[in-house]
C-alpha atoms as a PDB file:
ATOM      1  CA  THR A   1     162.653  -7.184 -30.812  1.00  0.00           C
ATOM      2  CA  PHE A   2     165.716  -5.109 -31.613  1.00  0.00           C
ATOM      3  CA  VAL A   3     166.069  -3.911 -28.028  1.00  0.00           C
ATOM      4  CA  GLU A   4     165.803  -7.436 -26.640  1.00  0.00           C
ATOM      5  CA  THR A   5     168.234  -8.971 -29.109  1.00  0.00           C
ATOM      6  CA  HIS A   6     170.962  -6.372 -28.778  1.00  0.00           C
ATOM      7  CA  GLY A   7     170.366  -5.929 -25.057  1.00  0.00           C
ATOM      8  CA  GLU A   8     170.790  -9.678 -24.605  1.00  0.00           C
ATOM      9  CA  ARG A   9     173.993  -9.655 -26.640  1.00  0.00           C
ATOM     10  CA  LEU A  10     175.450  -6.705 -24.768  1.00  0.00           C
ATOM     11  CA  ALA A  11     174.496  -8.255 -21.416  1.00  0.00           C
ATOM     12  CA  HIS A  12     176.086 -11.543 -22.507  1.00  0.00           C
ATOM     13  CA  PHE A  13     179.269  -9.684 -23.523  1.00  0.00           C
ATOM     14  CA  LEU A  14     179.491  -7.933 -20.161  1.00  0.00           C
ATOM     15  CA  GLU A  15     178.651 -11.160 -18.330  1.00  0.00           C
ATOM     16  CA  ALA A  16     181.623 -12.874 -20.011  1.00  0.00           C
ATOM     17  CA  LEU A  17     183.899 -10.017 -18.912  1.00  0.00           C
ATOM     18  CA  ILE A  18     182.585 -10.280 -15.349  1.00  0.00           C
ATOM     19  CA  THR A  19     183.226 -14.028 -15.373  1.00  0.00           C
ATOM     20  CA  TYR A  20     186.773 -13.398 -16.599  1.00  0.00           C
ATOM     21  CA  ARG A  21     187.504 -10.901 -13.813  1.00  0.00           C
ATOM     22  CA  LYS A  22     185.990 -13.149 -11.140  1.00  0.00           C
ATOM     23  CA  GLY A  23     188.130 -16.025 -12.385  1.00  0.00           C
ATOM     24  CA  LEU A  24     191.230 -13.824 -12.432  1.00  0.00           C
ATOM     25  CA  ARG A  25     190.524 -12.611  -8.887  1.00  0.00           C
ATOM     26  CA  LYS A  26     190.094 -16.176  -7.638  1.00  0.00           C
ATOM     27  CA  PHE A  27     193.251 -17.243  -9.509  1.00  0.00           C
ATOM     28  CA  ARG A  28     195.313 -14.408  -8.007  1.00  0.00           C
ATOM     29  CA  LEU A  29     194.035 -15.068  -4.496  1.00  0.00           C
ATOM     30  CA  LYS A  30     194.853 -18.761  -4.781  1.00  0.00           C
ATOM     31  CA  HIS A  31     198.355 -18.059  -6.069  1.00  0.00           C
ATOM     32  CA  ALA A  32     198.947 -15.332  -3.480  1.00  0.00           C
ATOM     33  CA  LEU A  33     198.138 -17.848  -0.741  1.00  0.00           C
ATOM     34  CA  ILE A  34     200.458 -20.380  -2.357  1.00  0.00           C
ATOM     35  CA  GLY A  35     203.160 -17.692  -2.463  1.00  0.00           C
ATOM     36  CA  PHE A  36     202.539 -16.787   1.166  1.00  0.00           C
ATOM     37  CA  PHE A  37     202.924 -20.372   2.338  1.00  0.00           C
ATOM     38  CA  ALA A  38     205.932 -20.929   0.058  1.00  0.00           C
ATOM     39  CA  SER A  39     207.616 -17.837   1.492  1.00  0.00           C
ATOM     40  CA  LEU A  40     206.891 -18.983   5.066  1.00  0.00           C
ATOM     41  CA  LEU A  41     208.348 -22.364   4.230  1.00  0.00           C
ATOM     42  CA  GLY A  42     211.394 -20.758   2.594  1.00  0.00           C
ATOM     43  CA  GLY A  43     211.919 -18.345   5.491  1.00  0.00           C
ATOM     44  CA  GLY A  44     211.589 -21.149   8.032  1.00  0.00           C
ATOM     45  CA  ALA A  45     213.993 -23.328   6.067  1.00  0.00           C
ATOM     46  CA  ALA A  46     216.500 -20.450   5.867  1.00  0.00           C
ATOM     47  CA  ALA A  47     216.309 -19.820   9.622  1.00  0.00           C
ATOM     48  CA  PHE A  48     216.614 -23.531  10.411  1.00  0.00           C
ATOM     49  CA  THR A  49     219.557 -23.904   8.025  1.00  0.00           C
ATOM     50  CA  MET A  50     221.375 -20.942   9.614  1.00  0.00           C
ATOM     51  CA  MET A  51     220.800 -22.387  13.075  1.00  0.00           C
ATOM     52  CA  ALA A  52     221.680 -25.994  12.157  1.00  0.00           C
ATOM     53  CA  LEU A  53     224.834 -25.160  10.263  1.00  0.00           C
ATOM     54  CA  GLY A  54     225.907 -22.603  12.812  1.00  0.00           C
ATOM     55  CA  LEU A  55     226.579 -19.975  10.150  1.00  0.00           C
ATOM     56  CA  PHE A  56     226.167 -17.218  12.683  1.00  0.00           C
ATOM     57  CA  PRO A  57     227.062 -18.815  16.044  1.00  0.00           C
ATOM     58  CA  ALA A  58     227.270 -15.532  17.903  1.00  0.00           C
ATOM     59  CA  MET A  59     223.760 -14.461  16.872  1.00  0.00           C
ATOM     60  CA  ASP A  60     220.787 -14.749  19.128  1.00  0.00           C
ATOM     61  CA  PRO A  61     218.198 -17.313  17.874  1.00  0.00           C
ATOM     62  CA  ARG A  62     215.609 -14.519  17.725  1.00  0.00           C
ATOM     63  CA  MET A  63     217.864 -12.636  15.310  1.00  0.00           C
ATOM     64  CA  LEU A  64     218.148 -15.765  13.178  1.00  0.00           C
ATOM     65  CA  MET A  65     214.344 -16.018  13.157  1.00  0.00           C
ATOM     66  CA  ALA A  66     214.138 -12.367  12.143  1.00  0.00           C
ATOM     67  CA  GLY A  67     216.597 -13.125   9.322  1.00  0.00           C
ATOM     68  CA  GLY A  68     214.334 -16.010   8.261  1.00  0.00           C
ATOM     69  CA  GLY A  69     211.364 -13.624   8.346  1.00  0.00           C
ATOM     70  CA  ILE A  70     213.172 -11.124   6.152  1.00  0.00           C
ATOM     71  CA  PHE A  71     214.061 -13.943   3.765  1.00  0.00           C
ATOM     72  CA  ALA A  72     210.365 -14.950   3.714  1.00  0.00           C
ATOM     73  CA  LEU A  73     209.354 -11.359   2.900  1.00  0.00           C
ATOM     74  CA  VAL A  74     211.852 -11.241   0.024  1.00  0.00           C
ATOM     75  CA  ILE A  75     210.490 -14.513  -1.364  1.00  0.00           C
ATOM     76  CA  PHE A  76     206.898 -13.265  -1.049  1.00  0.00           C
ATOM     77  CA  PHE A  77     207.782  -9.937  -2.703  1.00  0.00           C
ATOM     78  CA  LEU A  78     209.453 -11.718  -5.625  1.00  0.00           C
ATOM     79  CA  TRP A  79     206.512 -14.106  -5.878  1.00  0.00           C
ATOM     80  CA  MET A  80     203.957 -11.291  -6.034  1.00  0.00           C
ATOM     81  CA  THR A  81     205.891  -9.043  -8.418  1.00  0.00           C
ATOM     82  CA  LEU A  82     207.574 -11.441 -10.833  1.00  0.00           C
ATOM     83  CA  LEU A  83     205.943 -14.834 -10.654  1.00  0.00           C
ATOM     84  CA  MET A  84     202.376 -13.596 -10.229  1.00  0.00           C
ATOM     85  CA  LYS A  85     202.606 -11.640 -13.502  1.00  0.00           C
ATOM     86  CA  HIS A  86     203.833 -14.756 -15.246  1.00  0.00           C
ATOM     87  CA  PHE A  87     201.062 -16.890 -13.757  1.00  0.00           C
ATOM     88  CA  ALA A  88     198.389 -14.273 -14.536  1.00  0.00           C
ATOM     89  CA  SER A  89     199.507 -14.060 -18.170  1.00  0.00           C
ATOM     90  CA  GLY A  90     199.183 -17.859 -18.329  1.00  0.00           C
ATOM     91  CA  PHE A  91     195.640 -17.588 -16.954  1.00  0.00           C
ATOM     92  CA  HIS A  92     194.857 -14.933 -19.564  1.00  0.00           C
ATOM     93  CA  GLU A  93     196.175 -17.105 -22.408  1.00  0.00           C
ATOM     94  CA  ASN A  94     194.204 -20.095 -21.146  1.00  0.00           C
ATOM     95  CA  CYS A  95     191.031 -18.007 -21.107  1.00  0.00           C
ATOM     96  CA  LEU A  96     191.679 -16.823 -24.650  1.00  0.00           C
ATOM     97  CA  HIS A  97     192.234 -20.396 -25.834  1.00  0.00           C
ATOM     98  CA  ASP A  98     189.089 -21.598 -24.068  1.00  0.00           C
ATOM     99  CA  ILE A  99     186.919 -18.509 -24.525  1.00  0.00           C
ATOM    100  CA  ASP A 100     183.731 -20.587 -24.273  1.00  0.00           C
ATOM    101  CA  SER A 101     184.478 -21.225 -20.589  1.00  0.00           C
ATOM    102  CA  LEU A 102     183.490 -17.619 -19.844  1.00  0.00           C
ATOM    103  CA  THR A 103     179.789 -18.277 -20.292  1.00  0.00           C
ATOM    104  CA  GLN A 104     177.171 -20.841 -19.459  1.00  0.00           C
ATOM    105  CA  ILE A 105     174.895 -21.672 -22.355  1.00  0.00           C
ATOM    106  CA  GLU A 106     171.596 -23.162 -21.237  1.00  0.00           C
ATOM    107  CA  ASN A 107     169.380 -22.706 -24.295  1.00  0.00           C
ATOM    108  CA  GLN A 108     169.380 -21.913 -28.003  1.00  0.00           C
ATOM    109  CA  LYS A 109     168.799 -18.189 -27.445  1.00  0.00           C
ATOM    110  CA  GLN A 110     171.942 -17.948 -25.310  1.00  0.00           C
ATOM    111  CA  ARG A 111     173.858 -20.062 -27.840  1.00  0.00           C
ATOM    112  CA  ASP A 112     172.876 -17.675 -30.651  1.00  0.00           C
ATOM    113  CA  SER A 113     173.756 -14.660 -28.529  1.00  0.00           C
ATOM    114  CA  TRP A 114     177.157 -16.138 -27.646  1.00  0.00           C
ATOM    115  CA  GLU A 115     177.935 -16.953 -31.273  1.00  0.00           C
ATOM    116  CA  ALA A 116     177.202 -13.324 -32.180  1.00  0.00           C
ATOM    117  CA  ILE A 117     179.543 -11.851 -29.547  1.00  0.00           C
ATOM    118  CA  ARG A 118     182.136 -14.583 -28.989  1.00  0.00           C
ATOM    119  CA  ASP A 119     184.710 -12.975 -31.278  1.00  0.00           C
ATOM    120  CA  LEU A 120     184.086  -9.551 -29.719  1.00  0.00           C
ATOM    121  CA  VAL A 121     184.852 -10.933 -26.261  1.00  0.00           C
ATOM    122  CA  TYR A 122     188.052 -12.521 -27.581  1.00  0.00           C
ATOM    123  CA  VAL A 123     189.207  -9.322 -29.315  1.00  0.00           C
ATOM    124  CA  TYR A 124     188.375  -7.162 -26.287  1.00  0.00           C
ATOM    125  CA  LEU A 125     190.250  -9.418 -23.861  1.00  0.00           C
ATOM    126  CA  LYS A 126     193.207  -9.643 -26.228  1.00  0.00           C
ATOM    127  CA  LYS A 127     193.271  -5.871 -26.757  1.00  0.00           C
ATOM    128  CA  THR A 128     192.996  -4.947 -23.081  1.00  0.00           C
ATOM    129  CA  ALA A 129     195.106  -7.909 -21.886  1.00  0.00           C
ATOM    130  CA  GLY A 130     192.370  -8.436 -19.295  1.00  0.00           C
ATOM    131  CA  LYS A 131     192.968  -5.059 -17.669  1.00  0.00           C
ATOM    132  CA  PHE A 132     189.654  -3.272 -17.290  1.00  0.00           C
ATOM    133  CA  SER A 133     187.575  -2.027 -14.383  1.00  0.00           C
ATOM    134  CA  TYR A 134     185.540  -4.837 -12.853  1.00  0.00           C
ATOM    135  CA  ARG A 135     183.370  -2.348 -10.965  1.00  0.00           C
ATOM    136  CA  GLN A 136     182.548  -0.379 -14.111  1.00  0.00           C
ATOM    137  CA  VAL A 137     181.708  -3.505 -16.115  1.00  0.00           C
ATOM    138  CA  LYS A 138     179.470  -4.753 -13.328  1.00  0.00           C
ATOM    139  CA  ARG A 139     177.675  -1.388 -13.147  1.00  0.00           C
ATOM    140  CA  GLU A 140     177.215  -1.335 -16.940  1.00  0.00           C
ATOM    141  CA  TYR A 141     175.897  -4.899 -16.842  1.00  0.00           C
ATOM    142  CA  THR A 142     173.279  -3.897 -14.281  1.00  0.00           C
ATOM    143  CA  ASP A 143     172.287  -0.852 -16.356  1.00  0.00           C
ATOM    144  CA  VAL A 144     172.032  -2.838 -19.600  1.00  0.00           C
ATOM    145  CA  ARG A 145     169.845  -5.497 -18.004  1.00  0.00           C
ATOM    146  CA  ARG A 146     167.581  -2.861 -16.479  1.00  0.00           C
ATOM    147  CA  VAL A 147     167.226  -0.945 -19.762  1.00  0.00           C
ATOM    148  CA  ARG A 148     166.724  -4.162 -21.735  1.00  0.00           C
ATOM    149  CA  ASP A 149     164.027  -5.454 -19.395  1.00  0.00           C
ATOM    150  CA  GLN A 150     162.234  -2.098 -19.072  1.00  0.00           C
ATOM    151  CA  GLY A 151     162.554  -1.273 -22.785  1.00  0.00           C
ATOM    152  CA  SER A 152     161.251  -4.689 -23.810  1.00  0.00           C
ATOM    153  CA  ARG A 153     158.312  -4.353 -21.457  1.00  0.00           C
ATOM    154  CA  ASP A 154     157.477  -0.877 -22.798  1.00  0.00           C
ATOM    155  CA  ILE A 155     157.712  -2.047 -26.404  1.00  0.00           C
ATOM    156  CA  ARG A 156     155.480  -5.051 -25.726  1.00  0.00           C
ATOM    157  CA  GLU A 157     152.886  -2.829 -24.037  1.00  0.00           C
ATOM    158  CA  ALA A 158     152.917  -0.402 -26.957  1.00  0.00           C
ATOM    159  CA  LEU A 159     152.569  -3.225 -29.478  1.00  0.00           C
ATOM    160  CA  SER A 160     149.768  -4.739 -27.427  1.00  0.00           C
ATOM    161  CA  GLU A 161     147.906  -1.424 -27.364  1.00  0.00           C
ATOM    162  CA  LEU A 162     148.523  -0.965 -31.064  1.00  0.00           C
ATOM    163  CA  SER A 163     147.175  -4.424 -31.890  1.00  0.00           C
ATOM    164  CA  THR A 164     143.918  -3.726 -30.020  1.00  0.00           C
ATOM    165  CA  ILE A 165     143.135  -0.706 -32.192  1.00  0.00           C
ATOM    166  CA  SER A 166     141.084  -1.739 -35.218  1.00  0.00           C
ATOM    167  CA  ASP A 167     141.500  -0.070 -38.612  1.00  0.00           C
ATOM    168  CA  ASP A 168     138.090   1.629 -38.277  1.00  0.00           C
ATOM    169  CA  GLU A 169     139.015   3.063 -34.869  1.00  0.00           C
ATOM    170  CA  ALA A 170     142.289   4.347 -36.244  1.00  0.00           C
ATOM    171  CA  ALA A 171     140.503   6.109 -39.095  1.00  0.00           C
ATOM    172  CA  ASP A 172     137.909   7.589 -36.701  1.00  0.00           C
ATOM    173  CA  LYS A 173     140.594   8.822 -34.331  1.00  0.00           C
ATOM    174  CA  ASP A 174     142.679  10.452 -37.070  1.00  0.00           C
ATOM    175  CA  ASP A 175     144.071  13.494 -35.315  1.00  0.00           C
ATOM    176  CA  GLY A 176     145.399  15.224 -38.383  1.00  0.00           C
ATOM    177  CA  LEU A 177     148.432  13.026 -38.645  1.00  0.00           C
ATOM    178  CA  SER A 178     148.342  11.138 -41.875  1.00  0.00           C
ATOM    179  CA  SER A 179     150.072   7.982 -42.812  1.00  0.00           C
ATOM    180  CA  PRO A 180     153.003   8.432 -45.188  1.00  0.00           C
ATOM    181  CA  LEU A 181     151.465   5.840 -47.510  1.00  0.00           C
ATOM    182  CA  ARG A 182     148.153   7.706 -47.628  1.00  0.00           C
ATOM    183  CA  LEU A 183     149.959  10.980 -48.355  1.00  0.00           C
ATOM    184  CA  ALA A 184     151.913   9.320 -51.154  1.00  0.00           C
ATOM    185  CA  GLY A 185     148.669   7.998 -52.652  1.00  0.00           C
ATOM    186  CA  GLU A 186     147.073  11.460 -52.510  1.00  0.00           C
ATOM    187  CA  ASP A 187     150.114  12.994 -54.209  1.00  0.00           C
ATOM    188  CA  GLU A 188     149.834  10.462 -57.023  1.00  0.00           C
ATOM    189  CA  GLU A 189     146.129  11.251 -57.479  1.00  0.00           C
ATOM    190  CA  THR A 190     146.744  15.025 -57.649  1.00  0.00           C
ATOM    191  CA  SER A 191     149.615  14.627 -60.085  1.00  0.00           C
ATOM    192  CA  ALA A 192     147.499  12.340 -62.300  1.00  0.00           C
ATOM    193  CA  THR A 193     144.540  14.783 -62.346  1.00  0.00           C
ATOM    194  CA  GLY A 194     146.646  17.902 -62.597  1.00  0.00           C
END
């Protein structure tokens, strides 16, 4: 039905966006941890270098360690502000080039749905540069699935009830509401006689 088809497509669209945001979150977390360990390594190397070379012989070793810690914080800050943006834009471009990785297609129905919305997902991600509310998309996805499932069930029940009514029963239960085709036929008869 119309509700099922378009509900499935909209749910598939939102599901692709959710997959993108989950992937981006995992990517950022992984690279933040890499940056954290790189900054610790850099800070430790800076402190060790200052101690080994005797650049500041009058300084207490704890002060040298604090200097290494400050150096580590600077590296981590630069990593998170400059490099992370660069890495995230690379992730975004990779997702745009491999847009099919945002969905799992298990059957022909899902394949047809994806083909119908694939370009929309690409355009939306390109337009927003991947910056949209994950929470809102997830909430909308839940709402669309609920409406699609409930609407489909209601439509199927109504069609089932309608199919059980025979033509004779429908004519006997005519409650004053006439079919548009019957009214058109009556108008033709009155115009032909009149």
